[in-house]
PDB file of all heavy atoms in Angstrom:
ATOM      1  N   MET A   1     121.530  90.749  86.016  1.00  0.00           N
ATOM      2  CA  MET A   1     122.052  89.842  87.021  1.00  0.00           C
ATOM      3  C   MET A   1     123.197  90.534  87.733  1.00  0.00           C
ATOM      4  O   MET A   1     124.133  91.023  87.106  1.00  0.00           O
ATOM      5  CB  MET A   1     122.544  88.555  86.367  1.00  0.00           C
ATOM      6  CG  MET A   1     123.160  87.564  87.331  1.00  0.00           C
ATOM      7  SD  MET A   1     121.931  86.746  88.365  1.00  0.00           S
ATOM      8  CE  MET A   1     121.113  85.708  87.148  1.00  0.00           C
ATOM      9  N   VAL A   2     123.129  90.619  89.055  1.00  0.00           N
ATOM     10  CA  VAL A   2     124.195  91.257  89.829  1.00  0.00           C
ATOM     11  C   VAL A   2     125.193  90.206  90.299  1.00  0.00           C
ATOM     12  O   VAL A   2     126.383  90.288  90.019  1.00  0.00           O
ATOM     13  CB  VAL A   2     123.614  92.041  91.027  1.00  0.00           C
ATOM     14  CG1 VAL A   2     124.735  92.678  91.841  1.00  0.00           C
ATOM     15  CG2 VAL A   2     122.646  93.109  90.534  1.00  0.00           C
ATOM     16  N   GLU A   3     124.703  89.199  91.014  1.00  0.00           N
ATOM     17  CA  GLU A   3     125.558  88.111  91.477  1.00  0.00           C
ATOM     18  C   GLU A   3     124.739  86.841  91.640  1.00  0.00           C
ATOM     19  O   GLU A   3     123.539  86.897  91.902  1.00  0.00           O
ATOM     20  CB  GLU A   3     126.226  88.458  92.821  1.00  0.00           C
ATOM     21  CG  GLU A   3     127.275  89.542  92.746  1.00  0.00           C
ATOM     22  CD  GLU A   3     128.001  89.728  94.069  1.00  0.00           C
ATOM     23  OE1 GLU A   3     128.049  88.764  94.872  1.00  0.00           O
ATOM     24  OE2 GLU A   3     128.519  90.823  94.300  1.00  0.00           O
ATOM     25  N   LYS A   4     125.405  85.690  91.483  1.00  0.00           N
ATOM     26  CA  LYS A   4     124.777  84.390  91.732  1.00  0.00           C
ATOM     27  C   LYS A   4     125.407  83.798  92.980  1.00  0.00           C
ATOM     28  O   LYS A   4     126.621  83.589  93.017  1.00  0.00           O
ATOM     29  CB  LYS A   4     124.990  83.447  90.546  1.00  0.00           C
ATOM     30  CG  LYS A   4     124.524  83.994  89.214  1.00  0.00           C
ATOM     31  CD  LYS A   4     124.943  83.056  88.099  1.00  0.00           C
ATOM     32  CE  LYS A   4     124.700  83.679  86.734  1.00  0.00           C
ATOM     33  NZ  LYS A   4     125.202  82.822  85.642  1.00  0.00           N
ATOM     34  N   ILE A   5     124.588  83.528  93.972  1.00  0.00           N
ATOM     35  CA  ILE A   5     125.115  83.059  95.257  1.00  0.00           C
ATOM     36  C   ILE A   5     124.354  81.811  95.700  1.00  0.00           C
ATOM     37  O   ILE A   5     123.126  81.755  95.607  1.00  0.00           O
ATOM     38  CB  ILE A   5     124.993  84.165  96.334  1.00  0.00           C
ATOM     39  CG1 ILE A   5     125.780  85.396  95.876  1.00  0.00           C
ATOM     40  CG2 ILE A   5     125.483  83.675  97.688  1.00  0.00           C
ATOM     41  CD1 ILE A   5     125.637  86.591  96.760  1.00  0.00           C
ATOM     42  N   ARG A   6     125.083  80.825  96.186  1.00  0.00           N
ATOM     43  CA  ARG A   6     124.443  79.587  96.643  1.00  0.00           C
ATOM     44  C   ARG A   6     123.976  79.735  98.091  1.00  0.00           C
ATOM     45  O   ARG A   6     124.771  80.032  98.978  1.00  0.00           O
ATOM     46  CB  ARG A   6     125.407  78.415  96.523  1.00  0.00           C
ATOM     47  CG  ARG A   6     124.797  77.083  96.944  1.00  0.00           C
ATOM     48  CD  ARG A   6     125.650  75.918  96.526  1.00  0.00           C
ATOM     49  NE  ARG A   6     125.640  75.727  95.081  1.00  0.00           N
ATOM     50  CZ  ARG A   6     126.224  74.698  94.460  1.00  0.00           C
ATOM     51  NH1 ARG A   6     126.868  73.783  95.156  1.00  0.00           N
ATOM     52  NH2 ARG A   6     126.176  74.590  93.153  1.00  0.00           N
ATOM     53  N   GLY A   7     122.692  79.558  98.294  1.00  0.00           N
ATOM     54  CA  GLY A   7     122.123  79.622  99.639  1.00  0.00           C
ATOM     55  C   GLY A   7     121.525  80.987  99.936  1.00  0.00           C
ATOM     56  O   GLY A   7     122.127  82.018  99.661  1.00  0.00           O
ATOM     57  N   TYR A   8     120.323  80.970 100.518  1.00  0.00           N
ATOM     58  CA  TYR A   8     119.616  82.233 100.766  1.00  0.00           C
ATOM     59  C   TYR A   8     120.332  83.102 101.796  1.00  0.00           C
ATOM     60  O   TYR A   8     120.434  84.317 101.628  1.00  0.00           O
ATOM     61  CB  TYR A   8     118.179  81.963 101.231  1.00  0.00           C
ATOM     62  CG  TYR A   8     117.358  83.222 101.300  1.00  0.00           C
ATOM     63  CD1 TYR A   8     116.647  83.669 100.188  1.00  0.00           C
ATOM     64  CD2 TYR A   8     117.316  83.999 102.465  1.00  0.00           C
ATOM     65  CE1 TYR A   8     115.915  84.846 100.220  1.00  0.00           C
ATOM     66  CE2 TYR A   8     116.591  85.174 102.503  1.00  0.00           C
ATOM     67  CZ  TYR A   8     115.897  85.587 101.388  1.00  0.00           C
ATOM     68  OH  TYR A   8     115.187  86.761 101.435  1.00  0.00           O
ATOM     69  N   LYS A   9     120.829  82.507 102.875  1.00  0.00           N
ATOM     70  CA  LYS A   9     121.470  83.290 103.936  1.00  0.00           C
ATOM     71  C   LYS A   9     122.663  84.080 103.394  1.00  0.00           C
ATOM     72  O   LYS A   9     122.829  85.269 103.693  1.00  0.00           O
ATOM     73  CB  LYS A   9     121.922  82.349 105.057  1.00  0.00           C
ATOM     74  CG  LYS A   9     122.689  83.032 106.198  1.00  0.00           C
ATOM     75  CD  LYS A   9     121.829  84.035 106.942  1.00  0.00           C
ATOM     76  CE  LYS A   9     122.449  84.470 108.258  1.00  0.00           C
ATOM     77  NZ  LYS A   9     123.771  85.101 108.110  1.00  0.00           N
ATOM     78  N   ARG A  10     123.489  83.431 102.597  1.00  0.00           N
ATOM     79  CA  ARG A  10     124.644  84.114 102.028  1.00  0.00           C
ATOM     80  C   ARG A  10     124.210  85.225 101.076  1.00  0.00           C
ATOM     81  O   ARG A  10     124.810  86.300 101.040  1.00  0.00           O
ATOM     82  CB  ARG A  10     125.534  83.114 101.291  1.00  0.00           C
ATOM     83  CG  ARG A  10     126.242  82.113 102.202  1.00  0.00           C
ATOM     84  CD  ARG A  10     127.061  81.123 101.411  1.00  0.00           C
ATOM     85  NE  ARG A  10     128.125  81.801 100.661  1.00  0.00           N
ATOM     86  CZ  ARG A  10     128.814  81.228  99.674  1.00  0.00           C
ATOM     87  NH1 ARG A  10     128.529  79.979  99.304  1.00  0.00           N
ATOM     88  NH2 ARG A  10     129.764  81.901  99.058  1.00  0.00           N
ATOM     89  N   ALA A  11     123.149  84.962 100.292  1.00  0.00           N
ATOM     90  CA  ALA A  11     122.662  85.976  99.363  1.00  0.00           C
ATOM     91  C   ALA A  11     122.075  87.167 100.127  1.00  0.00           C
ATOM     92  O   ALA A  11     122.279  88.332  99.746  1.00  0.00           O
ATOM     93  CB  ALA A  11     121.605  85.377  98.438  1.00  0.00           C
ATOM     94  N   PHE A  12     121.371  86.869 101.195  1.00  0.00           N
ATOM     95  CA  PHE A  12     120.780  87.904 102.051  1.00  0.00           C
ATOM     96  C   PHE A  12     121.882  88.813 102.609  1.00  0.00           C
ATOM     97  O   PHE A  12     121.801  90.043 102.539  1.00  0.00           O
ATOM     98  CB  PHE A  12     120.018  87.220 103.185  1.00  0.00           C
ATOM     99  CG  PHE A  12     119.276  88.135 104.110  1.00  0.00           C
ATOM    100  CD1 PHE A  12     117.930  88.419 103.903  1.00  0.00           C
ATOM    101  CD2 PHE A  12     119.905  88.708 105.211  1.00  0.00           C
ATOM    102  CE1 PHE A  12     117.233  89.253 104.772  1.00  0.00           C
ATOM    103  CE2 PHE A  12     119.228  89.539 106.073  1.00  0.00           C
ATOM    104  CZ  PHE A  12     117.883  89.811 105.858  1.00  0.00           C
ATOM    105  N   ASP A  13     122.928  88.198 103.151  1.00  0.00           N
ATOM    106  CA  ASP A  13     124.041  88.963 103.719  1.00  0.00           C
ATOM    107  C   ASP A  13     124.767  89.765 102.641  1.00  0.00           C
ATOM    108  O   ASP A  13     125.208  90.894 102.879  1.00  0.00           O
ATOM    109  CB  ASP A  13     125.030  88.024 104.417  1.00  0.00           C
ATOM    110  CG  ASP A  13     124.445  87.371 105.660  1.00  0.00           C
ATOM    111  OD1 ASP A  13     123.431  87.887 106.176  1.00  0.00           O
ATOM    112  OD2 ASP A  13     124.992  86.344 106.102  1.00  0.00           O
ATOM    113  N   ARG A  14     124.895  89.157 101.471  1.00  0.00           N
ATOM    114  CA  ARG A  14     125.591  89.841 100.375  1.00  0.00           C
ATOM    115  C   ARG A  14     124.798  91.064  99.913  1.00  0.00           C
ATOM    116  O   ARG A  14     125.393  92.102  99.575  1.00  0.00           O
ATOM    117  CB  ARG A  14     125.786  88.876  99.198  1.00  0.00           C
ATOM    118  CG  ARG A  14     126.521  89.483  98.011  1.00  0.00           C
ATOM    119  CD  ARG A  14     127.943  89.834  98.349  1.00  0.00           C
ATOM    120  NE  ARG A  14     128.558  90.578  97.247  1.00  0.00           N
ATOM    121  CZ  ARG A  14     129.131  91.773  97.357  1.00  0.00           C
ATOM    122  NH1 ARG A  14     129.194  92.370  98.537  1.00  0.00           N
ATOM    123  NH2 ARG A  14     129.655  92.364  96.311  1.00  0.00           N
ATOM    124  N   LEU A  15     123.485  90.972  99.914  1.00  0.00           N
ATOM    125  CA  LEU A  15     122.665  92.113  99.508  1.00  0.00           C
ATOM    126  C   LEU A  15     122.870  93.288 100.460  1.00  0.00           C
ATOM    127  O   LEU A  15     122.919  94.443 100.026  1.00  0.00           O
ATOM    128  CB  LEU A  15     121.187  91.719  99.465  1.00  0.00           C
ATOM    129  CG  LEU A  15     120.205  92.790  98.981  1.00  0.00           C
ATOM    130  CD1 LEU A  15     120.581  93.295  97.588  1.00  0.00           C
ATOM    131  CD2 LEU A  15     118.782  92.251  98.973  1.00  0.00           C
ATOM    132  N   VAL A  16     123.018  92.997 101.737  1.00  0.00           N
ATOM    133  CA  VAL A  16     123.308  94.057 102.703  1.00  0.00           C
ATOM    134  C   VAL A  16     124.641  94.727 102.365  1.00  0.00           C
ATOM    135  O   VAL A  16     124.765  95.956 102.397  1.00  0.00           O
ATOM    136  CB  VAL A  16     123.348  93.491 104.146  1.00  0.00           C
ATOM    137  CG1 VAL A  16     123.754  94.584 105.131  1.00  0.00           C
ATOM    138  CG2 VAL A  16     121.992  92.913 104.535  1.00  0.00           C
ATOM    139  N   SER A  17     125.636  93.937 102.000  1.00  0.00           N
ATOM    140  CA  SER A  17     126.951  94.485 101.667  1.00  0.00           C
ATOM    141  C   SER A  17     126.925  95.315 100.394  1.00  0.00           C
ATOM    142  O   SER A  17     127.617  96.334 100.280  1.00  0.00           O
ATOM    143  CB  SER A  17     127.975  93.350 101.508  1.00  0.00           C
ATOM    144  OG  SER A  17     128.147  92.644 102.711  1.00  0.00           O
ATOM    145  N   ILE A  18     126.118  94.890  99.431  1.00  0.00           N
ATOM    146  CA  ILE A  18     126.039  95.602  98.155  1.00  0.00           C
ATOM    147  C   ILE A  18     125.564  97.037  98.344  1.00  0.00           C
ATOM    148  O   ILE A  18     125.968  97.946  97.607  1.00  0.00           O
ATOM    149  CB  ILE A  18     125.128  94.828  97.178  1.00  0.00           C
ATOM    150  CG1 ILE A  18     125.872  93.593  96.656  1.00  0.00           C
ATOM    151  CG2 ILE A  18     124.679  95.710  96.006  1.00  0.00           C
ATOM    152  CD1 ILE A  18     125.030  92.689  95.788  1.00  0.00           C
ATOM    153  N   ILE A  19     124.734  97.257  99.345  1.00  0.00           N
ATOM    154  CA  ILE A  19     124.257  98.618  99.612  1.00  0.00           C
ATOM    155  C   ILE A  19     125.435  99.562  99.825  1.00  0.00           C
ATOM    156  O   ILE A  19     125.488 100.657  99.266  1.00  0.00           O
ATOM    157  CB  ILE A  19     123.329  98.638 100.845  1.00  0.00           C
ATOM    158  CG1 ILE A  19     122.030  97.901 100.542  1.00  0.00           C
ATOM    159  CG2 ILE A  19     123.048 100.079 101.283  1.00  0.00           C
ATOM    160  CD1 ILE A  19     121.118  97.750 101.744  1.00  0.00           C
ATOM    161  N   GLY A  20     126.405  99.127 100.624  1.00  0.00           N
ATOM    162  CA  GLY A  20     127.571  99.954 100.900  1.00  0.00           C
ATOM    163  C   GLY A  20     128.455 100.154  99.689  1.00  0.00           C
ATOM    164  O   GLY A  20     129.083 101.209  99.518  1.00  0.00           O
ATOM    165  N   GLU A  21     128.504  99.151  98.813  1.00  0.00           N
ATOM    166  CA  GLU A  21     129.337  99.231  97.624  1.00  0.00           C
ATOM    167  C   GLU A  21     128.709 100.094  96.529  1.00  0.00           C
ATOM    168  O   GLU A  21     129.416 100.783  95.787  1.00  0.00           O
ATOM    169  CB  GLU A  21     129.598  97.824  97.082  1.00  0.00           C
ATOM    170  CG  GLU A  21     130.387  96.946  98.053  1.00  0.00           C
ATOM    171  CD  GLU A  21     130.400  95.490  97.635  1.00  0.00           C
ATOM    172  OE1 GLU A  21     129.946  95.193  96.512  1.00  0.00           O
ATOM    173  OE2 GLU A  21     130.859  94.644  98.431  1.00  0.00           O
ATOM    174  N   GLU A  22     127.406 100.054  96.432  1.00  0.00           N
ATOM    175  CA  GLU A  22     126.704 100.763  95.358  1.00  0.00           C
ATOM    176  C   GLU A  22     126.193 102.139  95.780  1.00  0.00           C
ATOM    177  O   GLU A  22     125.978 103.016  94.949  1.00  0.00           O
ATOM    178  CB  GLU A  22     125.512  99.927  94.881  1.00  0.00           C
ATOM    179  CG  GLU A  22     125.883  98.597  94.246  1.00  0.00           C
ATOM    180  CD  GLU A  22     126.197  98.739  92.769  1.00  0.00           C
ATOM    181  OE1 GLU A  22     125.963  99.823  92.213  1.00  0.00           O
ATOM    182  OE2 GLU A  22     126.669  97.744  92.184  1.00  0.00           O
ATOM    183  N   GLY A  23     125.979 102.332  97.082  1.00  0.00           N
ATOM    184  CA  GLY A  23     125.359 103.567  97.553  1.00  0.00           C
ATOM    185  C   GLY A  23     126.353 104.645  97.920  1.00  0.00           C
ATOM    186  O   GLY A  23     127.490 104.364  98.299  1.00  0.00           O
ATOM    187  N   LYS A  24     125.911 105.890  97.816  1.00  0.00           N
ATOM    188  CA  LYS A  24     126.707 107.051  98.223  1.00  0.00           C
ATOM    189  C   LYS A  24     125.823 107.984  99.051  1.00  0.00           C
ATOM    190  O   LYS A  24     124.620 108.076  98.820  1.00  0.00           O
ATOM    191  CB  LYS A  24     127.228 107.796  96.997  1.00  0.00           C
ATOM    192  CG  LYS A  24     128.173 106.993  96.117  1.00  0.00           C
ATOM    193  CD  LYS A  24     128.605 107.814  94.908  1.00  0.00           C
ATOM    194  CE  LYS A  24     129.532 107.006  94.001  1.00  0.00           C
ATOM    195  NZ  LYS A  24     129.924 107.779  92.795  1.00  0.00           N
ATOM    196  N   ASN A  25     126.437 108.665 100.004  1.00  0.00           N
ATOM    197  CA  ASN A  25     125.711 109.636 100.831  1.00  0.00           C
ATOM    198  C   ASN A  25     124.429 109.031 101.409  1.00  0.00           C
ATOM    199  O   ASN A  25     123.348 109.636 101.343  1.00  0.00           O
ATOM    200  CB  ASN A  25     125.373 110.892 100.019  1.00  0.00           C
ATOM    201  CG  ASN A  25     126.602 111.543  99.419  1.00  0.00           C
ATOM    202  OD1 ASN A  25     127.638 111.656 100.081  1.00  0.00           O
ATOM    203  ND2 ASN A  25     126.505 111.972  98.171  1.00  0.00           N
ATOM    204  N   LEU A  26     124.549 107.856 101.976  1.00  0.00           N
ATOM    205  CA  LEU A  26     123.372 107.135 102.471  1.00  0.00           C
ATOM    206  C   LEU A  26     122.654 107.885 103.583  1.00  0.00           C
ATOM    207  O   LEU A  26     121.435 107.723 103.754  1.00  0.00           O
ATOM    208  CB  LEU A  26     123.776 105.742 102.953  1.00  0.00           C
ATOM    209  CG  LEU A  26     124.391 104.817 101.899  1.00  0.00           C
ATOM    210  CD1 LEU A  26     124.691 103.454 102.508  1.00  0.00           C
ATOM    211  CD2 LEU A  26     123.479 104.672 100.688  1.00  0.00           C
ATOM    212  N   GLU A  27     123.373 108.707 104.332  1.00  0.00           N
ATOM    213  CA  GLU A  27     122.751 109.467 105.412  1.00  0.00           C
ATOM    214  C   GLU A  27     121.741 110.487 104.889  1.00  0.00           C
ATOM    215  O   GLU A  27     120.917 110.995 105.649  1.00  0.00           O
ATOM    216  CB  GLU A  27     123.821 110.172 106.257  1.00  0.00           C
ATOM    217  CG  GLU A  27     124.575 111.281 105.554  1.00  0.00           C
ATOM    218  CD  GLU A  27     125.685 110.791 104.634  1.00  0.00           C
ATOM    219  OE1 GLU A  27     125.922 109.558 104.591  1.00  0.00           O
ATOM    220  OE2 GLU A  27     126.317 111.631 103.965  1.00  0.00           O
ATOM    221  N   GLU A  28     121.777 110.756 103.595  1.00  0.00           N
ATOM    222  CA  GLU A  28     120.829 111.694 102.985  1.00  0.00           C
ATOM    223  C   GLU A  28     119.678 110.974 102.297  1.00  0.00           C
ATOM    224  O   GLU A  28     118.797 111.617 101.730  1.00  0.00           O
ATOM    225  CB  GLU A  28     121.560 112.575 101.970  1.00  0.00           C
ATOM    226  CG  GLU A  28     122.712 113.389 102.546  1.00  0.00           C
ATOM    227  CD  GLU A  28     123.498 114.112 101.468  1.00  0.00           C
ATOM    228  OE1 GLU A  28     123.090 114.036 100.277  1.00  0.00           O
ATOM    229  OE2 GLU A  28     124.509 114.745 101.798  1.00  0.00           O
ATOM    230  N   LYS A  29     119.674 109.641 102.351  1.00  0.00           N
ATOM    231  CA  LYS A  29     118.726 108.875 101.557  1.00  0.00           C
ATOM    232  C   LYS A  29     117.793 108.020 102.416  1.00  0.00           C
ATOM    233  O   LYS A  29     118.065 107.729 103.572  1.00  0.00           O
ATOM    234  CB  LYS A  29     119.477 107.983 100.569  1.00  0.00           C
ATOM    235  CG  LYS A  29     120.290 108.771  99.555  1.00  0.00           C
ATOM    236  CD  LYS A  29     120.994 107.865  98.571  1.00  0.00           C
ATOM    237  CE  LYS A  29     121.763 108.680  97.534  1.00  0.00           C
ATOM    238  NZ  LYS A  29     122.456 107.814  96.566  1.00  0.00           N
ATOM    239  N   ILE A  30     116.695 107.627 101.782  1.00  0.00           N
ATOM    240  CA  ILE A  30     115.746 106.693 102.381  1.00  0.00           C
ATOM    241  C   ILE A  30     115.955 105.326 101.741  1.00  0.00           C
ATOM    242  O   ILE A  30     116.106 105.214 100.524  1.00  0.00           O
ATOM    243  CB  ILE A  30     114.292 107.158 102.140  1.00  0.00           C
ATOM    244  CG1 ILE A  30     114.033 108.507 102.807  1.00  0.00           C
ATOM    245  CG2 ILE A  30     113.297 106.111 102.653  1.00  0.00           C
ATOM    246  CD1 ILE A  30     112.675 109.097 102.461  1.00  0.00           C
TER     247      ILE A  30
END
């Protein structure tokens, strides 16, 4: 479990943000 979020829209937006928090060197990745 990563996070529990109420409402799909908020969860959708949060997933986009998690990419930046968890990812490194994204310009080199697919």
